[in-house]
Protein backbone atom coordinates (compact mmCIF):
# COMPACT_ATOMS: atom_id res chain seq x y z
CA MET A 1 51.74 26.46 -4.77
CA ASN A 2 53.94 28.29 -2.31
CA LYS A 3 53.34 26.60 1.03
CA LEU A 4 54.36 28.04 4.36
CA PHE A 5 53.92 24.82 6.31
CA SER A 6 52.15 21.44 6.31
CA ALA A 7 50.13 19.73 9.04
CA ASN A 8 47.63 16.87 9.18
CA GLY A 9 47.97 16.19 5.46
CA TYR A 10 47.13 19.79 4.50
CA ASP A 11 49.39 22.50 3.09
CA PHE A 12 48.94 26.11 4.21
CA ASN A 13 49.96 29.31 2.47
CA PHE A 14 49.30 33.02 2.89
CA GLU A 15 48.79 35.83 0.41
CA TYR A 16 48.35 39.55 0.97
CA ASP A 17 46.45 42.09 -1.05
CA SER A 18 45.42 45.69 -0.74
CA ASP A 19 42.21 47.34 -1.91
CA TYR A 20 40.44 43.97 -1.70
CA SER A 21 36.88 45.00 -0.86
CA ILE A 22 37.11 48.23 1.09
CA LYS A 23 39.00 51.12 -0.42
CA TYR A 24 42.46 51.48 1.13
CA SER A 25 42.09 48.38 3.31
CA ARG A 26 44.51 45.46 3.43
CA ALA A 27 43.59 41.80 3.39
CA THR A 28 45.33 38.59 4.37
CA PHE A 29 44.32 35.30 2.77
CA CYS A 30 45.06 31.83 4.09
CA ARG A 31 44.45 29.05 1.59
CA VAL A 32 44.42 25.40 2.58
CA TYR A 33 45.58 22.77 0.09
CA GLN A 34 45.62 19.01 0.14
CA GLY A 35 48.31 17.82 -2.23
CA GLU A 36 48.12 20.09 -5.26
CA LYS A 37 44.37 20.68 -4.93
CA GLU A 38 43.06 23.81 -3.25
CA LEU A 39 40.12 23.19 -0.93
CA GLY A 40 37.87 26.08 -1.92
CA TYR A 41 35.83 25.99 1.25
CA CYS A 42 38.98 26.36 3.35
CA ILE A 43 39.97 29.91 2.65
CA GLY A 44 40.32 32.34 5.54
CA ILE A 45 40.24 36.07 4.91
CA ALA A 46 41.17 38.76 7.42
CA LEU A 47 40.35 42.34 6.46
CA CYS A 48 42.09 45.21 8.18
CA ASN A 49 39.92 48.22 8.90
CA PRO A 50 41.26 51.23 6.98
CA VAL A 51 41.64 53.19 10.23
CA ASP A 52 43.73 50.42 11.88
CA ASN A 53 47.42 49.75 11.36
CA PHE A 54 48.03 46.66 9.24
CA LYS A 55 49.92 43.98 11.17
CA LYS A 56 50.95 40.95 9.15
CA SER A 57 51.07 38.56 12.12
CA THR A 58 47.58 39.47 13.33
CA GLY A 59 46.10 39.07 9.86
CA ARG A 60 47.78 35.67 9.46
CA LYS A 61 46.40 34.39 12.77
CA ILE A 62 42.85 35.54 11.99
CA ALA A 63 42.97 34.15 8.45
CA LEU A 64 44.43 30.82 9.62
CA THR A 65 41.76 30.49 12.31
CA LYS A 66 39.02 31.06 9.73
CA ALA A 67 40.63 28.70 7.21
CA ILE A 68 40.95 25.71 9.55
CA ASN A 69 37.46 26.04 11.04
CA PRO A 70 35.68 24.10 8.23
CA LEU A 71 38.22 21.26 8.50
CA LYS A 72 36.65 20.17 11.81
CA LEU A 73 40.04 19.29 13.28
CA ASN A 74 40.17 17.89 16.79
CA LYS A 75 42.18 19.58 19.54
CA GLU A 76 45.38 17.65 18.84
CA GLN A 77 45.17 18.37 15.10
CA ARG A 78 44.60 22.08 15.71
CA LYS A 79 47.56 22.09 18.09
CA GLU A 80 49.72 20.55 15.37
CA VAL A 81 48.63 23.24 12.90
CA TRP A 82 49.44 26.06 15.34
CA ASP A 83 52.71 24.46 16.48
CA LYS A 84 53.87 24.19 12.86
CA TYR A 85 52.73 27.74 12.16
CA PHE A 86 54.65 29.19 15.12
CA GLU A 87 57.67 27.02 14.34
CA LYS A 88 57.72 28.43 10.81
CA VAL A 89 57.11 32.08 11.65
CA LYS A 90 59.14 32.06 14.89
CA LYS A 91 56.41 33.86 16.86
């Protein structure tokens, strides 16, 4: 597992792919892990419309938002996730 950052006992990583479901589109995946185990229901996917310019930071934010939603984190826990994210990627 190649983690980008950890928060609230979860590890977060991102992967990128092209031609995922729409021809010539790009996709960003955020996978949430706890220890070495991937939580299958905590995967966020952001698809870029083929007519839009792919922007890595936008895809990461959308995918991360979708991935943490099922975790039902409270406001403080979500803040920790986003603080760690921005600390790691330096805005």
